[in-house]
Amino acid sequence: MRTSESTAWGPYLLVAAGAAAGLCAIGLGVPVPAGGAIMGCGFLAGSLARVTVSERRAGALAVRSRRMDALTLAAFGAALVIGSLLMLLRLHDS
């Protein structure tokens, strides 16, 4: 059944694919920091997509205002990337 108003899934699928790629990478034996960085980059790409595409084309990624959606995705993405990079630090010999 086709409705007159369809939802654009592109930006949402971009974020979902980034998260799935990171989890699959970890599941396949890639180090956890690399998988977390992949997921974080997916969120950052979603943030960039939310800022650049129109409200109509944002589809399921548009939940709140454009600014709030982009800031939320960017914060989660940056936290994942920074947290993943911090896992690479050797803080003590053990």
N, C-alpha and C. Protein backbone atom coordinates (compact mmCIF):
# COMPACT_ATOMS: atom_id res chain seq x y z
N MET A 1 0.84 -1.16 0.00
CA MET A 1 0.00 0.00 0.00
C MET A 1 0.90 1.24 0.00
N ARG A 2 0.60 2.16 -0.87
CA ARG A 2 1.40 3.36 -1.00
C ARG A 2 0.60 4.56 -0.53
N THR A 3 1.20 5.34 0.35
CA THR A 3 0.52 6.54 0.83
C THR A 3 1.01 7.75 0.06
N SER A 4 0.30 8.83 0.18
CA SER A 4 0.68 10.03 -0.56
C SER A 4 1.89 10.71 0.05
N GLU A 5 2.14 10.46 1.32
CA GLU A 5 3.28 11.09 1.99
C GLU A 5 4.20 10.00 2.51
N SER A 6 5.31 9.79 1.83
CA SER A 6 6.24 8.74 2.24
C SER A 6 7.37 9.34 3.07
N THR A 7 7.95 8.50 3.90
CA THR A 7 9.05 8.92 4.77
C THR A 7 10.37 8.64 4.08
N ALA A 8 11.26 9.61 4.11
CA ALA A 8 12.60 9.41 3.55
C ALA A 8 13.45 8.68 4.59
N TRP A 9 14.01 7.55 4.23
CA TRP A 9 14.76 6.72 5.16
C TRP A 9 16.27 6.85 5.00
N GLY A 10 16.76 7.57 4.02
CA GLY A 10 18.19 7.65 3.75
C GLY A 10 19.06 8.06 4.92
N PRO A 11 18.84 9.23 5.53
CA PRO A 11 19.68 9.65 6.65
C PRO A 11 19.59 8.71 7.86
N TYR A 12 18.39 8.21 8.13
CA TYR A 12 18.21 7.28 9.25
C TYR A 12 18.99 6.00 9.01
N LEU A 13 18.90 5.49 7.80
CA LEU A 13 19.63 4.26 7.47
C LEU A 13 21.15 4.47 7.50
N LEU A 14 21.60 5.68 7.22
CA LEU A 14 23.02 6.00 7.32
C LEU A 14 23.51 5.81 8.76
N VAL A 15 22.75 6.32 9.72
CA VAL A 15 23.12 6.17 11.13
C VAL A 15 23.03 4.70 11.55
N ALA A 16 21.95 4.04 11.15
CA ALA A 16 21.77 2.63 11.51
C ALA A 16 22.87 1.76 10.90
N ALA A 17 23.26 2.05 9.68
CA ALA A 17 24.33 1.28 9.03
C ALA A 17 25.67 1.51 9.73
N GLY A 18 25.93 2.74 10.17
CA GLY A 18 27.16 3.01 10.91
C GLY A 18 27.21 2.25 12.23
N ALA A 19 26.08 2.22 12.94
CA ALA A 19 26.04 1.47 14.20
C ALA A 19 26.18 -0.02 13.95
N ALA A 20 25.51 -0.52 12.93
CA ALA A 20 25.60 -1.95 12.61
C ALA A 20 27.00 -2.33 12.16
N ALA A 21 27.64 -1.46 11.39
CA ALA A 21 29.00 -1.74 10.93
C ALA A 21 29.97 -1.81 12.10
N GLY A 22 29.82 -0.89 13.05
CA GLY A 22 30.69 -0.92 14.23
C GLY A 22 30.49 -2.17 15.07
N LEU A 23 29.23 -2.55 15.27
CA LEU A 23 28.95 -3.76 16.05
C LEU A 23 29.42 -5.02 15.33
N CYS A 24 29.23 -5.07 14.01
CA CYS A 24 29.71 -6.22 13.24
C CYS A 24 31.23 -6.31 13.27
N ALA A 25 31.89 -5.16 13.19
CA ALA A 25 33.35 -5.16 13.24
C ALA A 25 33.83 -5.72 14.58
N ILE A 26 33.20 -5.31 15.66
CA ILE A 26 33.57 -5.85 16.97
C ILE A 26 33.29 -7.34 17.04
N GLY A 27 32.15 -7.75 16.51
CA GLY A 27 31.80 -9.16 16.50
C GLY A 27 32.75 -10.01 15.68
N LEU A 28 33.35 -9.41 14.66
CA LEU A 28 34.29 -10.14 13.80
C LEU A 28 35.72 -10.10 14.32
N GLY A 29 35.93 -9.50 15.48
CA GLY A 29 37.25 -9.55 16.09
C GLY A 29 38.09 -8.29 15.97
N VAL A 30 37.54 -7.23 15.39
CA VAL A 30 38.27 -5.96 15.35
C VAL A 30 38.31 -5.41 16.77
N PRO A 31 39.37 -4.76 17.18
CA PRO A 31 39.43 -4.21 18.54
C PRO A 31 38.24 -3.29 18.84
N VAL A 32 37.79 -3.33 20.07
CA VAL A 32 36.62 -2.56 20.50
C VAL A 32 36.76 -1.06 20.22
N PRO A 33 37.94 -0.44 20.45
CA PRO A 33 38.04 0.99 20.15
C PRO A 33 37.78 1.31 18.68
N ALA A 34 38.18 0.43 17.78
CA ALA A 34 37.94 0.68 16.36
C ALA A 34 36.45 0.58 16.05
N GLY A 35 35.78 -0.41 16.61
CA GLY A 35 34.34 -0.54 16.40
C GLY A 35 33.57 0.63 16.97
N GLY A 36 33.97 1.10 18.14
CA GLY A 36 33.33 2.26 18.73
C GLY A 36 33.54 3.51 17.91
N ALA A 37 34.73 3.66 17.34
CA ALA A 37 35.00 4.81 16.48
C ALA A 37 34.17 4.74 15.20
N ILE A 38 33.96 3.55 14.67
CA ILE A 38 33.12 3.39 13.48
C ILE A 38 31.69 3.81 13.80
N MET A 39 31.18 3.37 14.94
CA MET A 39 29.83 3.77 15.34
C MET A 39 29.74 5.28 15.54
N GLY A 40 30.75 5.85 16.19
CA GLY A 40 30.76 7.29 16.41
C GLY A 40 30.78 8.07 15.11
N CYS A 41 31.54 7.60 14.14
CA CYS A 41 31.57 8.27 12.83
C CYS A 41 30.22 8.18 12.14
N GLY A 42 29.50 7.08 12.34
CA GLY A 42 28.15 6.97 11.79
C GLY A 42 27.21 8.01 12.39
N PHE A 43 27.31 8.23 13.71
CA PHE A 43 26.50 9.26 14.34
C PHE A 43 26.89 10.66 13.86
N LEU A 44 28.19 10.89 13.70
CA LEU A 44 28.64 12.20 13.20
C LEU A 44 28.18 12.44 11.77
N ALA A 45 28.19 11.39 10.95
CA ALA A 45 27.69 11.52 9.58
C ALA A 45 26.18 11.80 9.59
N GLY A 46 25.45 11.17 10.52
CA GLY A 46 24.03 11.46 10.65
C GLY A 46 23.77 12.89 11.08
N SER A 47 24.63 13.41 11.95
CA SER A 47 24.50 14.80 12.37
C SER A 47 24.72 15.74 11.19
N LEU A 48 25.72 15.45 10.40
CA LEU A 48 25.98 16.26 9.22
C LEU A 48 24.83 16.16 8.22
N ALA A 49 24.28 14.97 8.06
CA ALA A 49 23.14 14.80 7.15
C ALA A 49 21.93 15.57 7.66
N ARG A 50 21.71 15.56 8.97
CA ARG A 50 20.56 16.26 9.53
C ARG A 50 20.66 17.76 9.31
N VAL A 51 21.89 18.28 9.34
CA VAL A 51 22.08 19.71 9.12
C VAL A 51 21.90 20.08 7.65
N THR A 52 22.35 19.22 6.75
CA THR A 52 22.39 19.59 5.34
C THR A 52 21.13 19.28 4.55
N VAL A 53 20.41 18.22 4.90
CA VAL A 53 19.23 17.87 4.10
C VAL A 53 18.01 18.65 4.58
N SER A 54 17.03 18.78 3.71
CA SER A 54 15.82 19.52 4.06
C SER A 54 15.00 18.76 5.09
N GLU A 55 14.05 19.45 5.68
CA GLU A 55 13.19 18.85 6.69
C GLU A 55 12.42 17.65 6.12
N ARG A 56 11.98 17.78 4.90
CA ARG A 56 11.22 16.71 4.27
C ARG A 56 12.08 15.50 3.97
N ARG A 57 13.34 15.73 3.58
CA ARG A 57 14.24 14.64 3.23
C ARG A 57 14.90 14.00 4.45
N ALA A 58 14.82 14.65 5.60
CA ALA A 58 15.44 14.08 6.81
C ALA A 58 14.69 12.85 7.28
N GLY A 59 13.42 12.77 6.99
CA GLY A 59 12.63 11.58 7.29
C GLY A 59 12.61 11.21 8.75
N ALA A 60 12.89 9.95 9.04
CA ALA A 60 12.82 9.43 10.40
C ALA A 60 13.91 9.99 11.30
N LEU A 61 14.90 10.65 10.74
CA LEU A 61 15.96 11.25 11.56
C LEU A 61 15.49 12.56 12.19
N ALA A 62 14.42 13.15 11.66
CA ALA A 62 13.89 14.41 12.19
C ALA A 62 12.92 14.11 13.31
N VAL A 63 13.34 14.37 14.54
CA VAL A 63 12.50 14.11 15.70
C VAL A 63 12.13 15.44 16.37
N ARG A 64 13.13 16.27 16.57
CA ARG A 64 12.92 17.57 17.20
C ARG A 64 13.28 18.64 16.18
N SER A 65 13.75 19.77 16.64
CA SER A 65 14.20 20.80 15.71
C SER A 65 15.51 20.34 15.06
N ARG A 66 15.83 20.94 13.95
CA ARG A 66 17.05 20.57 13.22
C ARG A 66 18.28 20.74 14.10
N ARG A 67 18.35 21.85 14.81
CA ARG A 67 19.52 22.13 15.65
C ARG A 67 19.66 21.10 16.78
N MET A 68 18.55 20.77 17.44
CA MET A 68 18.61 19.83 18.56
C MET A 68 18.97 18.42 18.08
N ASP A 69 18.40 18.00 16.95
CA ASP A 69 18.74 16.69 16.39
C ASP A 69 20.23 16.62 16.04
N ALA A 70 20.73 17.66 15.39
CA ALA A 70 22.14 17.66 14.99
C ALA A 70 23.06 17.68 16.21
N LEU A 71 22.72 18.49 17.21
CA LEU A 71 23.56 18.55 18.41
C LEU A 71 23.55 17.23 19.17
N THR A 72 22.40 16.59 19.25
CA THR A 72 22.31 15.32 19.96
C THR A 72 23.13 14.25 19.25
N LEU A 73 22.98 14.14 17.94
CA LEU A 73 23.76 13.15 17.18
C LEU A 73 25.26 13.44 17.25
N ALA A 74 25.62 14.73 17.16
CA ALA A 74 27.03 15.09 17.23
C ALA A 74 27.61 14.79 18.61
N ALA A 75 26.84 15.02 19.67
CA ALA A 75 27.32 14.74 21.03
C ALA A 75 27.54 13.24 21.22
N PHE A 76 26.57 12.42 20.78
CA PHE A 76 26.74 10.96 20.89
C PHE A 76 27.92 10.48 20.05
N GLY A 77 28.04 11.00 18.84
CA GLY A 77 29.14 10.59 17.96
C GLY A 77 30.49 10.98 18.53
N ALA A 78 30.60 12.22 19.00
CA ALA A 78 31.87 12.67 19.58
C ALA A 78 32.20 11.88 20.84
N ALA A 79 31.20 11.59 21.66
CA ALA A 79 31.45 10.81 22.87
C ALA A 79 31.95 9.40 22.53
N LEU A 80 31.37 8.79 21.51
CA LEU A 80 31.82 7.46 21.10
C LEU A 80 33.25 7.49 20.55
N VAL A 81 33.54 8.47 19.70
CA VAL A 81 34.88 8.55 19.12
C VAL A 81 35.92 8.86 20.18
N ILE A 82 35.64 9.85 21.03
CA ILE A 82 36.60 10.22 22.07
C ILE A 82 36.77 9.09 23.08
N GLY A 83 35.66 8.48 23.48
CA GLY A 83 35.74 7.36 24.40
C GLY A 83 36.52 6.19 23.83
N SER A 84 36.34 5.94 22.54
CA SER A 84 37.07 4.86 21.89
C SER A 84 38.57 5.16 21.83
N LEU A 85 38.89 6.41 21.54
CA LEU A 85 40.31 6.78 21.49
C LEU A 85 40.94 6.75 22.88
N LEU A 86 40.17 7.11 23.89
CA LEU A 86 40.70 7.07 25.26
C LEU A 86 40.98 5.63 25.71
N MET A 87 40.27 4.68 25.15
CA MET A 87 40.52 3.28 25.51
C MET A 87 41.89 2.82 25.04
N LEU A 88 42.49 3.53 24.11
CA LEU A 88 43.81 3.15 23.60
C LEU A 88 44.95 3.62 24.50
N LEU A 89 44.66 4.52 25.44
CA LEU A 89 45.70 5.02 26.34
C LEU A 89 46.11 3.96 27.35
N ARG A 90 47.40 3.87 27.56
CA ARG A 90 47.91 2.99 28.63
C ARG A 90 48.13 3.87 29.85
N LEU A 91 47.28 3.72 30.84
CA LEU A 91 47.36 4.58 32.01
C LEU A 91 48.28 3.99 33.08
N HIS A 92 48.49 2.67 33.05
CA HIS A 92 49.37 2.05 34.03
C HIS A 92 49.84 0.72 33.47
N ASP A 93 50.89 0.18 34.05
CA ASP A 93 51.38 -1.13 33.64
C ASP A 93 50.63 -2.20 34.42
N SER A 94 49.98 -3.06 33.69
CA SER A 94 49.27 -4.15 34.37
C SER A 94 49.33 -5.42 33.55
